[in-house]
Amino acid sequence: LKGVQHTNISSSTSETTIVTAGGSGVFCDLYGLVINNQSATACTVTIKDATSGTTRFVFSVPAGDVRGFMLPQDSAHIQAASNNNWTATCGTSVASIDITALFVNNK
C-alpha cells in the first residue's frame, strides 16, 4: 500500500497538502521526502502530519538545492492520527519548491 505524491509550491507561505488523507482508520506514514528548491532564495520548509497539526520536521533548503530523507518502509515516520493529510509550509515565499512524498498506508 505504498504511495507517492508530488506537490509544487509556488510563491506561497500558505500551508499546502503534500499527502492526501488516507481515509477512515488509515495512517499515511512517511518513509521518504524530497524537497527541491528551484528558486534563487534559501527557504525553510515545515512539515506537519495534519492541517494545523504538530510540526514533525523543519528543513532548511538552500537555493538551488535538495534536502529530505529516505528510510526503509518499515521504519516510516508514523502519523499521529488517522484520516489526516501531511502538509508543508514555506517560511519564505520563493519561486518554486517541489516536494515528493513517499508514504505507506497503514490501518
N, C-alpha and C. Protein backbone atom coordinates (compact mmCIF):
# COMPACT_ATOMS: atom_id res chain seq x y z
N LEU A 1 0.82 -1.20 0.00
CA LEU A 1 0.00 0.00 0.00
C LEU A 1 0.86 1.26 0.00
N LYS A 2 1.96 1.21 -0.75
CA LYS A 2 2.83 2.38 -0.85
C LYS A 2 2.22 3.39 -1.82
N GLY A 3 2.55 4.67 -1.58
CA GLY A 3 2.09 5.72 -2.46
C GLY A 3 3.15 6.79 -2.63
N VAL A 4 2.99 7.59 -3.65
CA VAL A 4 3.88 8.71 -3.90
C VAL A 4 3.02 9.89 -4.35
N GLN A 5 3.34 11.07 -3.86
CA GLN A 5 2.58 12.26 -4.25
C GLN A 5 3.57 13.41 -4.45
N HIS A 6 3.43 14.09 -5.59
CA HIS A 6 4.28 15.25 -5.91
C HIS A 6 3.46 16.52 -5.77
N THR A 7 4.07 17.54 -5.17
CA THR A 7 3.40 18.83 -4.97
C THR A 7 4.38 19.94 -5.30
N ASN A 8 3.90 20.99 -5.97
CA ASN A 8 4.70 22.18 -6.23
C ASN A 8 4.10 23.34 -5.44
N ILE A 9 4.96 24.04 -4.71
CA ILE A 9 4.53 25.25 -4.00
C ILE A 9 5.23 26.41 -4.68
N SER A 10 4.43 27.32 -5.22
CA SER A 10 4.98 28.43 -5.99
C SER A 10 4.58 29.77 -5.37
N SER A 11 5.58 30.51 -4.91
CA SER A 11 5.38 31.86 -4.36
C SER A 11 4.27 31.90 -3.32
N SER A 12 4.41 31.07 -2.28
CA SER A 12 3.36 30.98 -1.25
C SER A 12 3.97 30.65 0.11
N THR A 13 3.33 31.15 1.16
CA THR A 13 3.67 30.74 2.52
C THR A 13 2.45 30.10 3.18
N SER A 14 1.47 29.71 2.38
CA SER A 14 0.27 29.04 2.89
C SER A 14 0.55 27.55 3.13
N GLU A 15 -0.09 26.99 4.14
CA GLU A 15 0.03 25.56 4.39
C GLU A 15 -0.55 24.80 3.20
N THR A 16 0.20 23.84 2.66
CA THR A 16 -0.17 23.14 1.43
C THR A 16 -0.13 21.64 1.68
N THR A 17 -1.16 20.92 1.24
CA THR A 17 -1.20 19.47 1.39
C THR A 17 -0.16 18.82 0.49
N ILE A 18 0.65 17.91 1.08
CA ILE A 18 1.63 17.17 0.29
C ILE A 18 1.31 15.68 0.23
N VAL A 19 0.47 15.18 1.16
CA VAL A 19 -0.07 13.81 1.11
C VAL A 19 -1.53 13.91 1.51
N THR A 20 -2.40 13.44 0.64
CA THR A 20 -3.84 13.46 0.90
C THR A 20 -4.21 12.42 1.95
N ALA A 21 -5.17 12.74 2.80
CA ALA A 21 -5.63 11.83 3.86
C ALA A 21 -6.02 10.48 3.27
N GLY A 22 -5.70 9.42 4.02
CA GLY A 22 -5.92 8.06 3.54
C GLY A 22 -7.32 7.51 3.78
N GLY A 23 -8.13 8.20 4.56
CA GLY A 23 -9.48 7.73 4.83
C GLY A 23 -9.63 7.26 6.27
N SER A 24 -10.83 6.88 6.63
CA SER A 24 -11.15 6.49 8.00
C SER A 24 -10.27 5.32 8.46
N GLY A 25 -9.57 5.53 9.57
CA GLY A 25 -8.74 4.48 10.15
C GLY A 25 -7.41 4.25 9.45
N VAL A 26 -7.07 5.08 8.46
CA VAL A 26 -5.84 4.89 7.69
C VAL A 26 -4.82 5.96 8.07
N PHE A 27 -3.62 5.50 8.42
CA PHE A 27 -2.49 6.38 8.70
C PHE A 27 -1.60 6.40 7.46
N CYS A 28 -1.11 7.58 7.07
CA CYS A 28 -0.17 7.71 5.96
C CYS A 28 1.21 7.99 6.57
N ASP A 29 2.03 6.96 6.66
CA ASP A 29 3.33 7.08 7.30
C ASP A 29 4.40 7.39 6.25
N LEU A 30 5.21 8.42 6.50
CA LEU A 30 6.24 8.87 5.55
C LEU A 30 7.51 8.05 5.69
N TYR A 31 7.99 7.50 4.56
CA TYR A 31 9.29 6.84 4.57
C TYR A 31 10.28 7.55 3.66
N GLY A 32 9.81 8.53 2.91
CA GLY A 32 10.71 9.31 2.08
C GLY A 32 10.13 10.68 1.78
N LEU A 33 11.03 11.67 1.73
CA LEU A 33 10.62 13.04 1.42
C LEU A 33 11.78 13.71 0.69
N VAL A 34 11.47 14.29 -0.47
CA VAL A 34 12.48 15.01 -1.26
C VAL A 34 11.95 16.42 -1.48
N ILE A 35 12.72 17.42 -1.05
CA ILE A 35 12.33 18.82 -1.20
C ILE A 35 13.37 19.50 -2.08
N ASN A 36 12.93 19.99 -3.23
CA ASN A 36 13.80 20.62 -4.21
C ASN A 36 13.48 22.10 -4.31
N ASN A 37 14.44 22.94 -3.94
CA ASN A 37 14.26 24.39 -4.02
C ASN A 37 14.82 24.87 -5.36
N GLN A 38 13.94 25.19 -6.30
CA GLN A 38 14.36 25.63 -7.63
C GLN A 38 14.57 27.14 -7.71
N SER A 39 14.38 27.83 -6.60
CA SER A 39 14.49 29.29 -6.60
C SER A 39 15.92 29.73 -6.30
N ALA A 40 16.13 31.03 -6.36
CA ALA A 40 17.43 31.63 -6.07
C ALA A 40 17.53 32.10 -4.61
N THR A 41 16.55 31.71 -3.79
CA THR A 41 16.49 32.13 -2.39
C THR A 41 16.37 30.92 -1.48
N ALA A 42 17.13 30.88 -0.40
CA ALA A 42 17.01 29.80 0.58
C ALA A 42 15.63 29.84 1.22
N CYS A 43 15.17 28.67 1.69
CA CYS A 43 13.82 28.60 2.26
C CYS A 43 13.78 27.53 3.35
N THR A 44 13.04 27.82 4.41
CA THR A 44 12.76 26.84 5.44
C THR A 44 11.39 26.23 5.14
N VAL A 45 11.30 24.89 5.17
CA VAL A 45 10.05 24.19 4.90
C VAL A 45 9.66 23.39 6.14
N THR A 46 8.46 23.68 6.65
CA THR A 46 7.94 22.99 7.84
C THR A 46 6.94 21.92 7.41
N ILE A 47 7.13 20.71 7.91
CA ILE A 47 6.26 19.58 7.58
C ILE A 47 5.44 19.22 8.81
N LYS A 48 4.11 19.11 8.63
CA LYS A 48 3.19 18.74 9.70
C LYS A 48 2.39 17.51 9.29
N ASP A 49 1.94 16.72 10.28
CA ASP A 49 1.20 15.48 9.97
C ASP A 49 -0.32 15.65 9.99
N ALA A 50 -0.79 16.89 9.89
CA ALA A 50 -2.20 17.23 9.74
C ALA A 50 -2.28 18.74 9.50
N THR A 51 -3.35 19.20 8.89
CA THR A 51 -3.55 20.64 8.72
C THR A 51 -3.58 21.30 10.09
N SER A 52 -2.75 22.31 10.29
CA SER A 52 -2.58 22.99 11.58
C SER A 52 -2.16 22.03 12.68
N GLY A 53 -1.51 20.93 12.30
CA GLY A 53 -1.12 19.91 13.25
C GLY A 53 0.23 20.17 13.89
N THR A 54 0.82 19.11 14.39
CA THR A 54 2.10 19.17 15.07
C THR A 54 3.24 19.19 14.06
N THR A 55 4.21 20.06 14.28
CA THR A 55 5.39 20.10 13.42
C THR A 55 6.19 18.82 13.63
N ARG A 56 6.49 18.12 12.53
CA ARG A 56 7.25 16.87 12.59
C ARG A 56 8.68 17.05 12.07
N PHE A 57 8.87 17.95 11.09
CA PHE A 57 10.18 18.21 10.51
C PHE A 57 10.28 19.67 10.12
N VAL A 58 11.49 20.21 10.18
CA VAL A 58 11.78 21.52 9.61
C VAL A 58 13.07 21.37 8.81
N PHE A 59 13.00 21.68 7.52
CA PHE A 59 14.14 21.57 6.62
C PHE A 59 14.58 22.96 6.19
N SER A 60 15.87 23.20 6.23
CA SER A 60 16.45 24.40 5.62
C SER A 60 16.95 23.98 4.25
N VAL A 61 16.37 24.57 3.21
CA VAL A 61 16.71 24.16 1.84
C VAL A 61 17.38 25.33 1.13
N PRO A 62 18.70 25.26 0.92
CA PRO A 62 19.41 26.34 0.24
C PRO A 62 18.89 26.53 -1.20
N ALA A 63 19.13 27.69 -1.74
CA ALA A 63 18.74 27.99 -3.12
C ALA A 63 19.36 26.97 -4.07
N GLY A 64 18.55 26.47 -4.99
CA GLY A 64 19.03 25.53 -6.00
C GLY A 64 19.52 24.20 -5.43
N ASP A 65 19.01 23.79 -4.28
CA ASP A 65 19.49 22.58 -3.63
C ASP A 65 18.33 21.65 -3.27
N VAL A 66 18.67 20.46 -2.80
CA VAL A 66 17.69 19.43 -2.44
C VAL A 66 17.97 18.96 -1.01
N ARG A 67 16.91 18.74 -0.24
CA ARG A 67 17.00 18.17 1.10
C ARG A 67 15.90 17.13 1.27
N GLY A 68 16.02 16.30 2.29
CA GLY A 68 14.99 15.31 2.56
C GLY A 68 15.54 14.12 3.31
N PHE A 69 14.82 13.00 3.21
CA PHE A 69 15.25 11.77 3.87
C PHE A 69 14.64 10.57 3.17
N MET A 70 15.24 9.40 3.37
CA MET A 70 14.72 8.14 2.85
C MET A 70 14.98 7.08 3.91
N LEU A 71 13.93 6.35 4.30
CA LEU A 71 14.01 5.30 5.31
C LEU A 71 13.48 4.00 4.73
N PRO A 72 13.83 2.87 5.34
CA PRO A 72 13.15 1.63 4.96
C PRO A 72 11.66 1.79 5.25
N GLN A 73 10.84 1.18 4.44
CA GLN A 73 9.39 1.31 4.59
C GLN A 73 8.93 0.95 6.00
N ASP A 74 9.51 -0.08 6.60
CA ASP A 74 9.07 -0.49 7.93
C ASP A 74 9.58 0.43 9.04
N SER A 75 10.38 1.43 8.69
CA SER A 75 10.86 2.43 9.66
C SER A 75 10.24 3.80 9.40
N ALA A 76 9.15 3.83 8.66
CA ALA A 76 8.49 5.09 8.29
C ALA A 76 8.14 5.93 9.51
N HIS A 77 8.19 7.25 9.33
CA HIS A 77 7.79 8.17 10.39
C HIS A 77 6.27 8.12 10.50
N ILE A 78 5.76 7.72 11.67
CA ILE A 78 4.32 7.47 11.81
C ILE A 78 3.53 8.76 11.95
N GLN A 79 2.34 8.72 11.40
CA GLN A 79 1.39 9.82 11.51
C GLN A 79 0.64 9.68 12.84
N ALA A 80 0.45 10.78 13.55
CA ALA A 80 -0.12 10.74 14.90
C ALA A 80 -1.58 10.28 14.93
N ALA A 81 -2.37 10.66 13.92
CA ALA A 81 -3.79 10.31 13.91
C ALA A 81 -4.20 9.90 12.50
N SER A 82 -5.13 8.98 12.41
CA SER A 82 -5.60 8.51 11.10
C SER A 82 -6.46 9.57 10.40
N ASN A 83 -6.67 9.33 9.12
CA ASN A 83 -7.53 10.17 8.28
C ASN A 83 -7.09 11.64 8.28
N ASN A 84 -5.79 11.87 8.22
CA ASN A 84 -5.23 13.21 8.13
C ASN A 84 -4.27 13.30 6.96
N ASN A 85 -4.05 14.51 6.50
CA ASN A 85 -3.09 14.75 5.44
C ASN A 85 -1.74 15.13 6.06
N TRP A 86 -0.71 15.24 5.23
CA TRP A 86 0.58 15.83 5.59
C TRP A 86 0.65 17.15 4.86
N THR A 87 1.25 18.16 5.49
CA THR A 87 1.32 19.49 4.87
C THR A 87 2.74 20.03 4.91
N ALA A 88 2.99 21.01 4.04
CA ALA A 88 4.25 21.74 4.02
C ALA A 88 3.94 23.23 4.01
N THR A 89 4.76 23.99 4.73
CA THR A 89 4.63 25.44 4.75
C THR A 89 6.02 26.04 4.55
N CYS A 90 6.13 26.92 3.55
CA CYS A 90 7.39 27.60 3.28
C CYS A 90 7.50 28.82 4.19
N GLY A 91 8.66 29.00 4.80
CA GLY A 91 8.89 30.14 5.67
C GLY A 91 9.05 31.44 4.90
N THR A 92 9.44 31.32 3.63
CA THR A 92 9.62 32.46 2.74
C THR A 92 8.94 32.14 1.42
N SER A 93 8.27 33.11 0.84
CA SER A 93 7.65 32.92 -0.47
C SER A 93 8.74 32.92 -1.53
N VAL A 94 9.01 31.75 -2.11
CA VAL A 94 10.03 31.63 -3.16
C VAL A 94 9.40 31.13 -4.44
N ALA A 95 10.14 31.26 -5.53
CA ALA A 95 9.59 30.94 -6.86
C ALA A 95 9.02 29.54 -6.96
N SER A 96 9.77 28.52 -6.49
CA SER A 96 9.28 27.16 -6.71
C SER A 96 9.95 26.16 -5.77
N ILE A 97 9.13 25.47 -5.00
CA ILE A 97 9.55 24.35 -4.16
C ILE A 97 8.79 23.12 -4.64
N ASP A 98 9.52 22.08 -5.04
CA ASP A 98 8.91 20.80 -5.43
C ASP A 98 9.11 19.81 -4.29
N ILE A 99 8.03 19.14 -3.91
CA ILE A 99 8.09 18.16 -2.83
C ILE A 99 7.53 16.83 -3.34
N THR A 100 8.32 15.78 -3.15
CA THR A 100 7.87 14.42 -3.45
C THR A 100 7.83 13.66 -2.14
N ALA A 101 6.66 13.15 -1.79
CA ALA A 101 6.47 12.39 -0.56
C ALA A 101 6.20 10.94 -0.89
N LEU A 102 6.93 10.04 -0.24
CA LEU A 102 6.72 8.61 -0.36
C LEU A 102 6.13 8.13 0.96
N PHE A 103 5.03 7.41 0.89
CA PHE A 103 4.32 7.03 2.11
C PHE A 103 3.74 5.63 1.98
N VAL A 104 3.39 5.08 3.12
CA VAL A 104 2.73 3.79 3.17
C VAL A 104 1.46 3.94 4.00
N ASN A 105 0.36 3.41 3.50
CA ASN A 105 -0.91 3.46 4.23
C ASN A 105 -0.98 2.28 5.20
N ASN A 106 -1.32 2.59 6.44
CA ASN A 106 -1.42 1.57 7.49
C ASN A 106 -2.75 1.72 8.20
N LYS A 107 -3.31 0.60 8.62
CA LYS A 107 -4.53 0.60 9.43
C LYS A 107 -4.21 0.18 10.82
